[in-house]
Protein backbone atom coordinates (compact mmCIF):
# COMPACT_ATOMS: atom_id res chain seq x y z
CA MET A 1 144.96 177.36 -100.37
CA ALA A 2 145.78 177.16 -103.81
CA GLY A 3 148.83 174.92 -103.34
CA LYS A 4 146.36 171.86 -102.56
CA GLU A 5 145.79 169.34 -105.02
CA ALA A 6 142.09 169.04 -105.65
CA LYS A 7 141.08 166.49 -107.46
CA THR A 8 137.56 166.98 -108.87
CA GLU A 9 134.93 165.10 -111.32
CA ASN A 10 134.95 165.87 -114.98
CA GLY A 11 138.44 167.74 -114.41
CA LYS A 12 136.61 170.79 -112.93
CA LEU A 13 137.91 173.11 -110.29
CA HIS A 14 135.91 174.98 -108.14
CA LEU A 15 137.40 178.35 -107.23
CA LYS A 16 136.54 180.83 -104.66
CA TRP A 17 137.78 184.59 -104.36
CA VAL A 18 138.36 185.10 -100.83
CA ARG A 19 140.12 188.64 -100.44
CA SER A 20 139.94 191.67 -101.89
CA ALA A 21 142.19 192.93 -104.85
CA ILE A 22 141.97 196.51 -104.02
CA CYS A 23 145.57 197.01 -102.69
CA ALA A 24 146.85 194.15 -105.13
CA PRO A 25 148.80 195.44 -108.19
CA VAL A 26 147.01 195.69 -111.71
CA LYS A 27 148.53 192.42 -112.79
CA GLN A 28 146.63 190.36 -110.05
CA LYS A 29 143.60 192.15 -110.77
CA ARG A 30 143.79 191.08 -114.54
CA VAL A 31 143.94 187.64 -113.30
CA ILE A 32 140.97 187.72 -110.97
CA LYS A 33 139.00 189.40 -113.97
CA GLY A 34 140.52 186.68 -116.63
CA LEU A 35 139.43 183.98 -114.20
CA GLY A 36 135.88 185.24 -114.41
CA PHE A 37 135.69 186.57 -111.22
CA THR A 38 133.05 189.69 -110.77
CA ARG A 39 132.30 189.83 -106.86
CA LEU A 40 133.85 188.58 -103.56
CA ASN A 41 133.02 185.49 -102.22
CA GLN A 42 131.97 184.14 -105.74
CA VAL A 43 132.21 180.63 -106.59
CA ILE A 44 132.95 179.69 -110.18
CA GLU A 45 133.57 176.41 -111.91
CA ARG A 46 136.82 176.68 -114.45
CA PRO A 47 138.48 173.34 -116.36
CA ASP A 48 141.21 171.93 -114.60
CA THR A 49 143.91 172.88 -117.25
CA PRO A 50 147.88 174.01 -116.74
CA GLY A 51 146.68 177.71 -117.78
CA ILE A 52 143.98 177.83 -115.16
CA ARG A 53 146.53 176.08 -112.61
CA GLY A 54 149.04 178.73 -113.47
CA MET A 55 146.52 181.80 -113.12
CA VAL A 56 145.57 180.42 -109.89
CA ASN A 57 149.15 180.27 -108.58
CA LYS A 58 149.66 183.71 -109.58
CA VAL A 59 146.95 184.88 -106.59
CA PRO A 60 146.95 182.16 -104.16
CA HIS A 61 146.38 184.57 -101.58
CA LEU A 62 143.32 185.91 -103.07
CA VAL A 63 141.84 182.62 -104.48
CA GLU A 64 141.22 179.67 -102.94
CA ILE A 65 140.23 176.02 -104.51
CA VAL A 66 136.92 174.88 -102.78
CA GLN A 67 135.78 171.16 -102.67
CA ALA A 68 132.62 170.67 -104.70
């Protein structure tokens, strides 16, 4: 899940949206949108910054860090 410390090359995180945000609160839906997800099971690449890590920690049940 999101709690794993994933070390990636070039300081990038590969994130995957794994659960729907239909029943999630509006704040969590905005976090998903803010990360850049547009559809379920999508894998995106984001820089490994404290801001991105904080957003992932807000929705650990919806997003996971995958190994590249």
